Amino acid sequence: MAFRLFQKTLSFPDPEEADDSGLLAVGGDLSVERLKLAYSKGIFPWYEEGMPVLWWSPDPRMVLFPDKMIVSHSLRQTLKKDLFTITYDTCFEEVVEQCSSTPRAVQEGTWITGDMKNAYNKLHKAGYAHSAETWHNGQLVGGLYGVALGRAFFGESMFHRMTNASKVALYFLLQKLRSMSFEIIDAQVYTNHLESLGGELLPRTVFLELLQKALEKPSLTGRWTE
């Protein structure tokens, strides 16, 4: 049974208390401080419009490592053509908006509610949420966003309007994260797409150990504009 959270109490139960589906808690709010606390404990929000906030900590956990992305032949060819320009944190709100129209493969509709958009925009303004953007001829055609704490990056969502545009954003983001000594990228739940990019499933206990190690280093807050 999921734990009930209250807005006046900033805390979470032990992630190991999550049920078999990964559901840990219900309720609370999406304040910057609660989101930071949740991610630091390997917990993330995921719910649909009209529902209370649901907090998850699945087992096993899908992760990516900065130096282990699988670059397919088609992606290599795309990179060689130099079709795209990559930027960071130049239009975070637009990336979130575009991602909101791209549902996850494991559920119908969008999970990025209006409250979620507002929450992550606030987290971005506080310096903890970041986006990578893919441009073609001056048009935004792909991108992704997530949360950075310590040397861990928590991927939230991605979108593309041209073939491989989101994969190119991920490729260059991983290069950037590696240059900043990031150790792990949380991809949350398994999908065939993530596995094709090099995602791995780890037991929750192993993931939490790696996360705590990554959190020992200070967060690199502020805009990632270069």
Protein backbone atom coordinates (compact mmCIF):
# COMPACT_ATOMS: atom_id res chain seq x y z
CA MET A 1 0.00 0.00 0.00
CA ALA A 2 1.36 3.44 -0.97
CA PHE A 3 2.20 5.89 1.80
CA ARG A 4 0.17 9.10 2.10
CA LEU A 5 2.22 12.30 1.99
CA PHE A 6 1.20 15.65 3.46
CA GLN A 7 2.22 19.05 2.09
CA LYS A 8 3.39 20.33 5.47
CA THR A 9 5.76 17.40 5.96
CA LEU A 10 8.81 17.31 3.70
CA SER A 11 9.75 13.63 3.82
CA PHE A 12 9.50 10.34 1.95
CA PRO A 13 9.38 6.73 3.08
CA ASP A 14 12.27 4.38 2.33
CA PRO A 15 12.28 3.61 -1.44
CA GLU A 16 12.52 -0.08 -0.57
CA GLU A 17 8.95 0.21 0.75
CA ALA A 18 7.58 0.63 -2.79
CA ASP A 19 5.12 -2.00 -3.97
CA ASP A 20 5.81 -4.44 -6.81
CA SER A 21 4.84 -1.85 -9.43
CA GLY A 22 7.26 0.68 -7.95
CA LEU A 23 4.58 2.91 -6.41
CA LEU A 24 5.84 4.33 -3.13
CA ALA A 25 3.67 7.26 -2.07
CA VAL A 26 0.66 9.42 -2.92
CA GLY A 27 0.09 13.12 -2.34
CA GLY A 28 2.34 15.93 -1.20
CA ASP A 29 3.22 18.68 -3.66
CA LEU A 30 5.64 19.48 -6.48
CA SER A 31 7.66 22.17 -4.74
CA VAL A 32 11.31 22.64 -5.69
CA GLU A 33 12.47 21.36 -2.30
CA ARG A 34 10.27 18.25 -2.43
CA LEU A 35 11.38 17.41 -5.96
CA LYS A 36 15.05 17.79 -4.99
CA LEU A 37 14.52 15.55 -1.97
CA ALA A 38 12.65 12.97 -4.04
CA TYR A 39 15.32 12.72 -6.74
CA SER A 40 18.08 12.53 -4.14
CA LYS A 41 16.37 9.42 -2.79
CA GLY A 42 15.76 7.83 -6.18
CA ILE A 43 12.06 8.77 -6.24
CA PHE A 44 10.21 10.55 -9.04
CA PRO A 45 6.64 11.80 -9.69
CA TRP A 46 4.57 10.24 -12.46
CA TYR A 47 0.82 10.61 -12.75
CA GLU A 48 -1.93 11.76 -15.09
CA GLU A 49 -4.17 14.82 -15.06
CA GLY A 50 -6.92 14.59 -12.46
CA MET A 51 -4.98 12.19 -10.23
CA PRO A 52 -3.12 12.93 -6.99
CA VAL A 53 0.67 13.10 -7.28
CA LEU A 54 2.10 9.57 -7.42
CA TRP A 55 5.70 8.92 -6.39
CA TRP A 56 7.67 5.97 -7.76
CA SER A 57 10.85 4.02 -7.12
CA PRO A 58 10.77 1.00 -9.46
CA ASP A 59 12.86 -2.13 -9.13
CA PRO A 60 14.76 -2.77 -11.35
CA ARG A 61 15.79 0.70 -12.50
CA MET A 62 16.73 1.73 -16.04
CA VAL A 63 19.97 3.70 -16.25
CA LEU A 64 22.41 5.01 -18.82
CA PHE A 65 26.09 5.68 -18.31
CA PRO A 66 27.75 8.66 -20.06
CA ASP A 67 30.31 6.51 -21.89
CA LYS A 68 28.07 3.58 -22.82
CA MET A 69 25.56 4.98 -25.30
CA ILE A 70 24.99 2.71 -28.28
CA VAL A 71 25.38 4.77 -31.44
CA SER A 72 23.51 3.05 -34.27
CA HIS A 73 24.60 3.16 -37.89
CA SER A 74 21.78 5.55 -38.78
CA LEU A 75 22.72 7.88 -35.92
CA ARG A 76 26.38 7.83 -36.95
CA GLN A 77 25.36 8.79 -40.47
CA THR A 78 23.20 11.60 -39.12
CA LEU A 79 26.07 12.90 -36.99
CA LYS A 80 28.41 12.86 -40.00
CA LYS A 81 25.97 14.94 -42.04
CA ASP A 82 26.13 17.71 -39.40
CA LEU A 83 22.45 18.53 -39.92
CA PHE A 84 21.75 19.87 -36.46
CA THR A 85 22.88 22.51 -34.00
CA ILE A 86 22.79 21.64 -30.29
CA THR A 87 22.17 24.11 -27.48
CA TYR A 88 21.52 23.80 -23.76
CA ASP A 89 19.01 25.64 -21.56
CA THR A 90 18.07 28.15 -24.24
CA CYS A 91 14.34 27.27 -24.37
CA PHE A 92 13.62 24.93 -21.47
CA GLU A 93 9.92 25.74 -21.26
CA GLU A 94 9.43 25.06 -24.98
CA VAL A 95 11.18 21.68 -24.70
CA VAL A 96 8.89 20.71 -21.82
CA GLU A 97 5.87 21.85 -23.82
CA GLN A 98 6.93 19.81 -26.83
CA CYS A 99 7.60 16.76 -24.67
CA SER A 100 4.12 17.06 -23.19
CA SER A 101 2.62 16.17 -26.57
CA THR A 102 4.77 13.02 -26.81
CA PRO A 103 3.27 10.29 -24.58
CA ARG A 104 5.44 7.63 -22.99
CA ALA A 105 5.24 4.19 -24.56
CA VAL A 106 4.01 2.62 -21.30
CA GLN A 107 0.87 4.72 -20.90
CA GLU A 108 -1.87 6.46 -22.85
CA GLY A 109 -1.97 10.23 -23.07
CA THR A 110 0.58 12.59 -21.58
CA TRP A 111 1.96 12.39 -18.07
CA ILE A 112 3.32 15.95 -18.17
CA THR A 113 0.40 17.77 -16.56
CA GLY A 114 0.06 21.51 -16.22
CA ASP A 115 1.27 21.29 -12.62
CA MET A 116 4.26 19.23 -13.74
CA LYS A 117 5.19 21.83 -16.36
CA ASN A 118 5.06 24.60 -13.77
CA ALA A 119 7.06 22.55 -11.27
CA TYR A 120 9.91 21.76 -13.65
CA ASN A 121 10.00 25.30 -14.97
CA LYS A 122 10.52 26.43 -11.37
CA LEU A 123 13.17 23.77 -10.89
CA HIS A 124 14.90 25.07 -14.02
CA LYS A 125 14.82 28.65 -12.75
CA ALA A 126 16.35 27.38 -9.50
CA GLY A 127 19.22 25.92 -11.54
CA TYR A 128 18.50 22.20 -11.13
CA ALA A 129 16.60 21.29 -14.31
CA HIS A 130 18.18 21.45 -17.76
CA SER A 131 17.37 20.93 -21.41
CA ALA A 132 19.29 19.98 -24.52
CA GLU A 133 17.84 21.30 -27.77
CA THR A 134 18.28 20.18 -31.38
CA TRP A 135 17.86 22.82 -34.11
CA HIS A 136 17.56 22.54 -37.89
CA ASN A 137 17.51 25.67 -40.03
CA GLY A 138 16.62 27.73 -36.98
CA GLN A 139 13.70 25.50 -35.96
CA LEU A 140 13.48 23.47 -32.77
CA VAL A 141 13.13 19.86 -33.98
CA GLY A 142 14.08 17.80 -30.94
CA GLY A 143 15.30 17.83 -27.39
CA LEU A 144 15.10 16.48 -23.89
CA TYR A 145 15.04 17.69 -20.32
CA GLY A 146 15.85 16.39 -16.87
CA VAL A 147 17.13 17.16 -13.40
CA ALA A 148 20.75 17.35 -12.26
CA LEU A 149 21.85 16.79 -8.66
CA GLY A 150 25.42 16.13 -7.67
CA ARG A 151 26.85 14.17 -10.61
CA ALA A 152 23.61 12.37 -11.40
CA PHE A 153 21.25 13.36 -14.20
CA PHE A 154 17.61 12.28 -14.08
CA GLY A 155 16.16 12.11 -17.57
CA GLU A 156 12.49 13.06 -17.74
CA SER A 157 11.32 13.18 -21.35
CA MET A 158 12.42 13.73 -24.94
CA PHE A 159 10.79 14.59 -28.25
CA HIS A 160 11.64 14.79 -31.92
CA ARG A 161 10.13 16.38 -35.00
CA MET A 162 12.84 15.04 -37.34
CA THR A 163 14.36 11.56 -37.49
CA ASN A 164 17.13 11.08 -34.89
CA ALA A 165 16.75 14.65 -33.56
CA SER A 166 16.19 13.52 -29.96
CA LYS A 167 18.96 10.91 -30.22
CA VAL A 168 21.37 13.61 -31.39
CA ALA A 169 20.38 15.72 -28.37
CA LEU A 170 21.02 12.74 -26.09
CA TYR A 171 24.36 11.97 -27.77
CA PHE A 172 25.69 15.48 -27.20
CA LEU A 173 24.19 15.72 -23.71
CA LEU A 174 26.04 12.55 -22.71
CA GLN A 175 29.27 14.04 -24.06
CA LYS A 176 28.64 17.14 -21.98
CA LEU A 177 27.77 15.15 -18.87
CA ARG A 178 30.91 13.07 -19.26
CA SER A 179 33.01 16.25 -19.54
CA MET A 180 31.48 17.40 -16.22
CA SER A 181 32.25 14.04 -14.55
CA PHE A 182 28.63 12.91 -14.28
CA GLU A 183 28.46 9.29 -13.25
CA ILE A 184 24.94 8.05 -13.96
CA ILE A 185 21.80 8.97 -15.88
CA ASP A 186 18.52 7.77 -14.41
CA ALA A 187 16.19 6.64 -17.20
CA GLN A 188 13.57 5.41 -14.72
CA VAL A 189 11.67 2.57 -16.41
CA TYR A 190 12.47 0.05 -19.13
CA THR A 191 11.58 0.65 -22.75
CA ASN A 192 12.90 -1.04 -25.89
CA HIS A 193 13.96 2.40 -27.12
CA LEU A 194 16.13 3.07 -24.07
CA GLU A 195 17.68 -0.38 -24.28
CA SER A 196 18.57 0.25 -27.93
CA LEU A 197 20.45 3.37 -26.80
CA GLY A 198 22.48 1.46 -24.23
CA GLY A 199 20.18 1.57 -21.23
CA GLU A 200 20.73 -1.06 -18.54
CA LEU A 201 18.48 -2.45 -15.84
CA LEU A 202 19.95 -2.36 -12.34
CA PRO A 203 18.52 -3.67 -9.08
CA ARG A 204 17.14 -0.76 -7.06
CA THR A 205 19.68 -1.34 -4.28
CA VAL A 206 22.56 -1.03 -6.77
CA PHE A 207 21.04 2.04 -8.36
CA LEU A 208 20.62 3.74 -4.98
CA GLU A 209 24.23 3.00 -4.06
CA LEU A 210 25.48 4.54 -7.32
CA LEU A 211 23.17 7.50 -6.83
CA GLN A 212 24.42 8.25 -3.34
CA LYS A 213 28.00 8.13 -4.60
CA ALA A 214 27.16 10.58 -7.38
CA LEU A 215 25.43 12.90 -4.89
CA GLU A 216 28.59 13.22 -2.81
CA LYS A 217 29.78 15.83 -5.32
CA PRO A 218 28.25 19.33 -5.43
CA SER A 219 25.47 20.15 -7.87
CA LEU A 220 26.39 22.22 -10.92
CA THR A 221 23.53 24.70 -10.76
CA GLY A 222 22.68 27.49 -13.13
CA ARG A 223 22.19 27.48 -16.90
CA TRP A 224 24.26 25.15 -19.07
CA THR A 225 24.67 27.48 -22.01
CA GLU A 226 27.89 26.14 -23.49
